[in-house]
Amino acid sequence: MAELIGPRLYSCSNCRNQVSLHDDIISKSFHGRNGRAFLFSHAMNVVMGPKEDRHLLTGLHTVADVYCGDCREVLGWKYERAYEASQRYKEGKFILEKSKIVKENW
């Protein structure tokens, strides 16, 4: 009998709460607070902190920290607004740090 295989997922490395789909990765060439990070089009089972302006490597952005919906571990941030026209493609997207997520169903 064939084993059913679901979508490839990323989960919180602390509690294994599923937070994003592999298919939602836009880029793996980002950097977070703790090293490599991925840019995702969507995230799930997360909660957002308050919006704040931050000077990042690519300029000034309005961002909100992203926390695991179960254990409240900081996983990354959501781009709410980019002030540079060349960076506006990030608006509404999520940065999840590689050190904070693990692969599931691979």
C-alpha atoms as a PDB file:
ATOM      1  CA  MET A   1       0.000   0.000   0.000  1.00  0.00           C
ATOM      2  CA  ALA A   2       1.329   3.435  -0.918  1.00  0.00           C
ATOM      3  CA  GLU A   3       2.073   5.847   1.894  1.00  0.00           C
ATOM      4  CA  LEU A   4       0.343   9.202   1.633  1.00  0.00           C
ATOM      5  CA  ILE A   5       2.792  12.055   1.543  1.00  0.00           C
ATOM      6  CA  GLY A   6       1.557  15.518   2.405  1.00  0.00           C
ATOM      7  CA  PRO A   7       3.035  18.858   1.447  1.00  0.00           C
ATOM      8  CA  ARG A   8       6.553  19.708   2.548  1.00  0.00           C
ATOM      9  CA  LEU A   9       6.301  22.025   5.531  1.00  0.00           C
ATOM     10  CA  TYR A  10       8.395  24.119   7.855  1.00  0.00           C
ATOM     11  CA  SER A  11       7.673  24.012  11.582  1.00  0.00           C
ATOM     12  CA  CYS A  12       8.819  25.950  14.624  1.00  0.00           C
ATOM     13  CA  SER A  13      12.079  24.377  15.797  1.00  0.00           C
ATOM     14  CA  ASN A  14      11.009  24.827  19.428  1.00  0.00           C
ATOM     15  CA  CYS A  15       7.533  23.183  19.462  1.00  0.00           C
ATOM     16  CA  ARG A  16       7.009  21.749  15.930  1.00  0.00           C
ATOM     17  CA  ASN A  17       3.990  23.974  15.202  1.00  0.00           C
ATOM     18  CA  GLN A  18       3.595  24.095  11.392  1.00  0.00           C
ATOM     19  CA  VAL A  19       4.315  27.630  10.197  1.00  0.00           C
ATOM     20  CA  SER A  20       4.780  27.572   6.405  1.00  0.00           C
ATOM     21  CA  LEU A  21       4.735  25.520   3.227  1.00  0.00           C
ATOM     22  CA  HIS A  22       7.889  24.852   1.235  1.00  0.00           C
ATOM     23  CA  ASP A  23       6.004  25.925  -1.900  1.00  0.00           C
ATOM     24  CA  ASP A  24       5.593  29.423  -0.405  1.00  0.00           C
ATOM     25  CA  ILE A  25       9.346  30.143  -0.434  1.00  0.00           C
ATOM     26  CA  ILE A  26      10.168  33.108  -2.645  1.00  0.00           C
ATOM     27  CA  SER A  27      13.889  33.313  -1.854  1.00  0.00           C
ATOM     28  CA  LYS A  28      16.510  31.593   0.306  1.00  0.00           C
ATOM     29  CA  SER A  29      18.968  34.500  -0.050  1.00  0.00           C
ATOM     30  CA  PHE A  30      17.976  36.578   2.966  1.00  0.00           C
ATOM     31  CA  HIS A  31      19.613  37.252   6.318  1.00  0.00           C
ATOM     32  CA  GLY A  32      17.862  37.483   9.668  1.00  0.00           C
ATOM     33  CA  ARG A  33      19.106  38.408  13.111  1.00  0.00           C
ATOM     34  CA  ASN A  34      20.789  35.019  13.511  1.00  0.00           C
ATOM     35  CA  GLY A  35      22.049  34.168  10.028  1.00  0.00           C
ATOM     36  CA  ARG A  36      20.317  32.782   6.949  1.00  0.00           C
ATOM     37  CA  ALA A  37      16.628  33.356   6.448  1.00  0.00           C
ATOM     38  CA  PHE A  38      13.975  32.577   3.857  1.00  0.00           C
ATOM     39  CA  LEU A  39      11.427  34.942   2.324  1.00  0.00           C
ATOM     40  CA  PHE A  40       7.943  33.357   2.288  1.00  0.00           C
ATOM     41  CA  SER A  41       4.777  34.571   0.587  1.00  0.00           C
ATOM     42  CA  HIS A  42       2.620  33.203   3.431  1.00  0.00           C
ATOM     43  CA  ALA A  43       2.919  31.970   7.009  1.00  0.00           C
ATOM     44  CA  MET A  44       0.390  30.143   9.179  1.00  0.00           C
ATOM     45  CA  ASN A  45      -0.162  29.512  12.882  1.00  0.00           C
ATOM     46  CA  VAL A  46       1.814  32.632  13.770  1.00  0.00           C
ATOM     47  CA  VAL A  47       1.024  35.872  15.576  1.00  0.00           C
ATOM     48  CA  MET A  48       2.384  39.317  14.816  1.00  0.00           C
ATOM     49  CA  GLY A  49       3.917  41.816  17.181  1.00  0.00           C
ATOM     50  CA  PRO A  50       3.465  45.577  16.872  1.00  0.00           C
ATOM     51  CA  LYS A  51       4.603  47.344  13.710  1.00  0.00           C
ATOM     52  CA  GLU A  52       7.827  49.323  13.938  1.00  0.00           C
ATOM     53  CA  ASP A  53      10.252  51.014  11.588  1.00  0.00           C
ATOM     54  CA  ARG A  54      13.638  49.278  11.288  1.00  0.00           C
ATOM     55  CA  HIS A  55      16.754  50.075   9.331  1.00  0.00           C
ATOM     56  CA  LEU A  56      17.640  46.774   7.635  1.00  0.00           C
ATOM     57  CA  LEU A  57      20.408  45.964   5.156  1.00  0.00           C
ATOM     58  CA  THR A  58      18.189  47.102   2.276  1.00  0.00           C
ATOM     59  CA  GLY A  59      16.943  50.322   3.870  1.00  0.00           C
ATOM     60  CA  LEU A  60      14.090  51.488   6.063  1.00  0.00           C
ATOM     61  CA  HIS A  61      11.101  49.147   6.407  1.00  0.00           C
ATOM     62  CA  THR A  62       8.033  48.927   8.618  1.00  0.00           C
ATOM     63  CA  VAL A  63       8.044  45.391  10.028  1.00  0.00           C
ATOM     64  CA  ALA A  64       6.259  43.323  12.662  1.00  0.00           C
ATOM     65  CA  ASP A  65       7.975  40.478  14.494  1.00  0.00           C
ATOM     66  CA  VAL A  66       6.475  37.047  13.775  1.00  0.00           C
ATOM     67  CA  TYR A  67       5.981  34.675  16.706  1.00  0.00           C
ATOM     68  CA  CYS A  68       5.031  30.995  16.763  1.00  0.00           C
ATOM     69  CA  GLY A  69       1.320  30.771  17.520  1.00  0.00           C
ATOM     70  CA  ASP A  70       1.912  28.008  20.073  1.00  0.00           C
ATOM     71  CA  CYS A  71       5.138  28.689  22.006  1.00  0.00           C
ATOM     72  CA  ARG A  72       5.609  32.403  21.107  1.00  0.00           C
ATOM     73  CA  GLU A  73       9.191  31.906  19.901  1.00  0.00           C
ATOM     74  CA  VAL A  74      10.302  34.767  17.611  1.00  0.00           C
ATOM     75  CA  LEU A  75      10.641  33.216  14.138  1.00  0.00           C
ATOM     76  CA  GLY A  76      11.346  36.313  12.046  1.00  0.00           C
ATOM     77  CA  TRP A  77       9.298  39.267  10.841  1.00  0.00           C
ATOM     78  CA  LYS A  78       6.699  40.414   8.336  1.00  0.00           C
ATOM     79  CA  TYR A  79       7.396  43.274   5.947  1.00  0.00           C
ATOM     80  CA  GLU A  80       4.489  45.692   6.279  1.00  0.00           C
ATOM     81  CA  ARG A  81       5.985  48.563   4.266  1.00  0.00           C
ATOM     82  CA  ALA A  82       9.118  49.241   2.237  1.00  0.00           C
ATOM     83  CA  TYR A  83      10.132  52.856   1.756  1.00  0.00           C
ATOM     84  CA  GLU A  84      12.367  52.196  -1.259  1.00  0.00           C
ATOM     85  CA  ALA A  85      10.505  51.484  -4.509  1.00  0.00           C
ATOM     86  CA  SER A  86      12.908  48.649  -5.377  1.00  0.00           C
ATOM     87  CA  GLN A  87      12.035  46.867  -2.112  1.00  0.00           C
ATOM     88  CA  ARG A  88       8.225  47.033  -2.351  1.00  0.00           C
ATOM     89  CA  TYR A  89       8.022  43.423  -3.578  1.00  0.00           C
ATOM     90  CA  LYS A  90       8.656  42.420   0.067  1.00  0.00           C
ATOM     91  CA  GLU A  91       5.496  44.079   1.397  1.00  0.00           C
ATOM     92  CA  GLY A  92       3.166  41.536   2.987  1.00  0.00           C
ATOM     93  CA  LYS A  93       5.872  38.827   2.892  1.00  0.00           C
ATOM     94  CA  PHE A  94       7.466  36.936   5.786  1.00  0.00           C
ATOM     95  CA  ILE A  95      11.076  36.383   6.802  1.00  0.00           C
ATOM     96  CA  LEU A  96      11.519  33.143   8.747  1.00  0.00           C
ATOM     97  CA  GLU A  97      14.990  32.474  10.102  1.00  0.00           C
ATOM     98  CA  LYS A  98      16.510  29.139   9.144  1.00  0.00           C
ATOM     99  CA  SER A  99      17.713  28.543  12.716  1.00  0.00           C
ATOM    100  CA  LYS A 100      14.128  28.897  14.002  1.00  0.00           C
ATOM    101  CA  ILE A 101      12.371  26.457  11.648  1.00  0.00           C
ATOM    102  CA  VAL A 102      12.707  22.777  10.767  1.00  0.00           C
ATOM    103  CA  LYS A 103      11.631  20.722   7.749  1.00  0.00           C
ATOM    104  CA  GLU A 104       8.642  18.371   8.061  1.00  0.00           C
ATOM    105  CA  ASN A 105       7.418  15.718   5.567  1.00  0.00           C
ATOM    106  CA  TRP A 106      10.653  15.670   3.501  1.00  0.00           C
END
